[in-house]
Structure formats: structure tokens, C-alpha cells
Amino acid sequence: MNAQNLASILLYLAVLLHLLGMSGWVQAKLSQPIQLATLAFMLTALFVLRKKKRKARRRTRKPPAEVAVMLERAEEGEPGK
């Protein structure tokens, strides 16, 4: 099961619990645990969907061949042609 499917299942469960809590069919003392479970399902879905960010290593770019030739000419003192 991939992360997107798991997150969608968790969000569906959160929505169902929220609708159950809002419907009025539950006792008043159970409303807070249902709200906490809804919050837990939503936060778990966010945690499942987050991607691990990797630090990008910056490579030094290799200069084109023309730049190398120009540098050689400049170091030798020849005028550019």
C-alpha cells in the first residue's frame, strides 16, 4: 500500500468520525475523544504524505572549452583573436 492510498483512507476515517460527532448521535462525554481521534487521523495522514527532503549537493560546473582557451591566452599574454 503506497503512502497516498494510506493517507486517503486515514482522511476518509477522519471525515466519517467528524460527521458522526457532528450528527448528535453520540453522547456529550464522547465528543472530545471523537474530536481527538479525528485530529489524530488527519495528522497521521499528513505525516504519511510528507516526503523526506534531501540536501542537494552543489557541484561545480565545468566551464566550456572556449573559456579554457580564453584563460590560457590571457595567462600567456596573447591578445584575443
C-alpha atoms as a PDB file:
ATOM      1  CA  MET A   1       0.000   0.000   0.000  1.00  0.00           C
ATOM      2  CA  ASN A   2       1.550   3.285  -1.016  1.00  0.00           C
ATOM      3  CA  ALA A   3       1.519   6.461   1.021  1.00  0.00           C
ATOM      4  CA  GLN A   4      -1.172   8.198  -0.998  1.00  0.00           C
ATOM      5  CA  ASN A   5      -3.664   5.357  -0.561  1.00  0.00           C
ATOM      6  CA  LEU A   6      -2.997   5.137   3.160  1.00  0.00           C
ATOM      7  CA  ALA A   7      -3.404   8.901   3.560  1.00  0.00           C
ATOM      8  CA  SER A   8      -6.715   8.876   1.704  1.00  0.00           C
ATOM      9  CA  ILE A   9      -8.015   6.049   3.908  1.00  0.00           C
ATOM     10  CA  LEU A  10      -6.986   7.959   7.032  1.00  0.00           C
ATOM     11  CA  LEU A  11      -8.696  11.114   5.776  1.00  0.00           C
ATOM     12  CA  TYR A  12     -11.883   9.190   4.990  1.00  0.00           C
ATOM     13  CA  LEU A  13     -11.873   7.812   8.535  1.00  0.00           C
ATOM     14  CA  ALA A  14     -11.350  11.318   9.906  1.00  0.00           C
ATOM     15  CA  VAL A  15     -14.275  12.657   7.877  1.00  0.00           C
ATOM     16  CA  LEU A  16     -16.542   9.812   8.989  1.00  0.00           C
ATOM     17  CA  LEU A  17     -15.659  10.361  12.640  1.00  0.00           C
ATOM     18  CA  HIS A  18     -16.217  14.086  12.265  1.00  0.00           C
ATOM     19  CA  LEU A  19     -19.620  13.549  10.686  1.00  0.00           C
ATOM     20  CA  LEU A  20     -20.520  11.077  13.418  1.00  0.00           C
ATOM     21  CA  GLY A  21     -19.529  13.580  16.078  1.00  0.00           C
ATOM     22  CA  MET A  22     -21.464  16.391  14.398  1.00  0.00           C
ATOM     23  CA  SER A  23     -24.587  14.279  13.870  1.00  0.00           C
ATOM     24  CA  GLY A  24     -25.570  14.303  17.533  1.00  0.00           C
ATOM     25  CA  TRP A  25     -25.869  10.538  17.820  1.00  0.00           C
ATOM     26  CA  VAL A  26     -23.030  10.283  20.315  1.00  0.00           C
ATOM     27  CA  GLN A  27     -23.153  11.202  23.966  1.00  0.00           C
ATOM     28  CA  ALA A  28     -21.712  14.532  25.025  1.00  0.00           C
ATOM     29  CA  LYS A  29     -18.921  12.919  27.003  1.00  0.00           C
ATOM     30  CA  LEU A  30     -17.725  11.069  23.867  1.00  0.00           C
ATOM     31  CA  SER A  31     -17.464  14.163  21.690  1.00  0.00           C
ATOM     32  CA  GLN A  32     -13.973  15.111  22.845  1.00  0.00           C
ATOM     33  CA  PRO A  33     -12.437  11.648  22.224  1.00  0.00           C
ATOM     34  CA  ILE A  34     -14.033  11.583  18.771  1.00  0.00           C
ATOM     35  CA  GLN A  35     -12.587  15.018  18.006  1.00  0.00           C
ATOM     36  CA  LEU A  36      -9.162  13.886  19.212  1.00  0.00           C
ATOM     37  CA  ALA A  37      -9.353  10.749  17.062  1.00  0.00           C
ATOM     38  CA  THR A  38     -10.316  12.894  14.068  1.00  0.00           C
ATOM     39  CA  LEU A  39      -7.336  15.142  14.689  1.00  0.00           C
ATOM     40  CA  ALA A  40      -5.060  12.130  15.101  1.00  0.00           C
ATOM     41  CA  PHE A  41      -6.201  10.648  11.774  1.00  0.00           C
ATOM     42  CA  MET A  42      -5.603  13.941   9.963  1.00  0.00           C
ATOM     43  CA  LEU A  43      -2.156  14.443  11.488  1.00  0.00           C
ATOM     44  CA  THR A  44      -1.206  10.856  10.688  1.00  0.00           C
ATOM     45  CA  ALA A  45      -2.274  11.413   7.074  1.00  0.00           C
ATOM     46  CA  LEU A  46      -0.044  14.491   6.903  1.00  0.00           C
ATOM     47  CA  PHE A  47       2.853  12.546   8.391  1.00  0.00           C
ATOM     48  CA  VAL A  48       2.368   9.738   5.862  1.00  0.00           C
ATOM     49  CA  LEU A  49       2.318  12.156   2.941  1.00  0.00           C
ATOM     50  CA  ARG A  50       5.361  14.186   3.888  1.00  0.00           C
ATOM     51  CA  LYS A  51       8.425  13.481   1.820  1.00  0.00           C
ATOM     52  CA  LYS A  52      11.917  13.282   3.143  1.00  0.00           C
ATOM     53  CA  LYS A  53      13.833  16.239   1.819  1.00  0.00           C
ATOM     54  CA  ARG A  54      17.363  15.572   0.755  1.00  0.00           C
ATOM     55  CA  LYS A  55      20.041  18.168   0.764  1.00  0.00           C
ATOM     56  CA  ALA A  56      21.147  18.865  -2.760  1.00  0.00           C
ATOM     57  CA  ARG A  57      24.861  18.812  -3.223  1.00  0.00           C
ATOM     58  CA  ARG A  58      26.108  21.650  -5.364  1.00  0.00           C
ATOM     59  CA  ARG A  59      28.556  20.540  -7.981  1.00  0.00           C
ATOM     60  CA  THR A  60      30.984  22.908  -9.535  1.00  0.00           C
ATOM     61  CA  ARG A  61      30.150  23.362 -13.152  1.00  0.00           C
ATOM     62  CA  LYS A  62      32.787  22.542 -15.679  1.00  0.00           C
ATOM     63  CA  PRO A  63      33.460  25.588 -17.846  1.00  0.00           C
ATOM     64  CA  PRO A  64      33.093  25.244 -21.607  1.00  0.00           C
ATOM     65  CA  ALA A  65      36.170  24.606 -23.732  1.00  0.00           C
ATOM     66  CA  GLU A  66      36.124  28.183 -25.088  1.00  0.00           C
ATOM     67  CA  VAL A  67      36.563  29.558 -21.584  1.00  0.00           C
ATOM     68  CA  ALA A  68      39.608  27.364 -21.021  1.00  0.00           C
ATOM     69  CA  VAL A  69      41.176  28.584 -24.277  1.00  0.00           C
ATOM     70  CA  MET A  70      40.496  32.220 -23.361  1.00  0.00           C
ATOM     71  CA  LEU A  71      42.061  31.687 -19.921  1.00  0.00           C
ATOM     72  CA  GLU A  72      45.176  30.175 -21.481  1.00  0.00           C
ATOM     73  CA  ARG A  73      45.513  33.115 -23.858  1.00  0.00           C
ATOM     74  CA  ALA A  74      45.050  35.588 -21.005  1.00  0.00           C
ATOM     75  CA  GLU A  75      47.668  33.869 -18.896  1.00  0.00           C
ATOM     76  CA  GLU A  76      50.146  33.828 -21.787  1.00  0.00           C
ATOM     77  CA  GLY A  77      49.535  37.469 -22.560  1.00  0.00           C
ATOM     78  CA  GLU A  78      48.416  36.905 -26.151  1.00  0.00           C
ATOM     79  CA  PRO A  79      45.788  39.264 -27.497  1.00  0.00           C
ATOM     80  CA  GLY A  80      42.478  37.630 -28.254  1.00  0.00           C
ATOM     81  CA  LYS A  81      41.827  36.909 -31.934  1.00  0.00           C
END
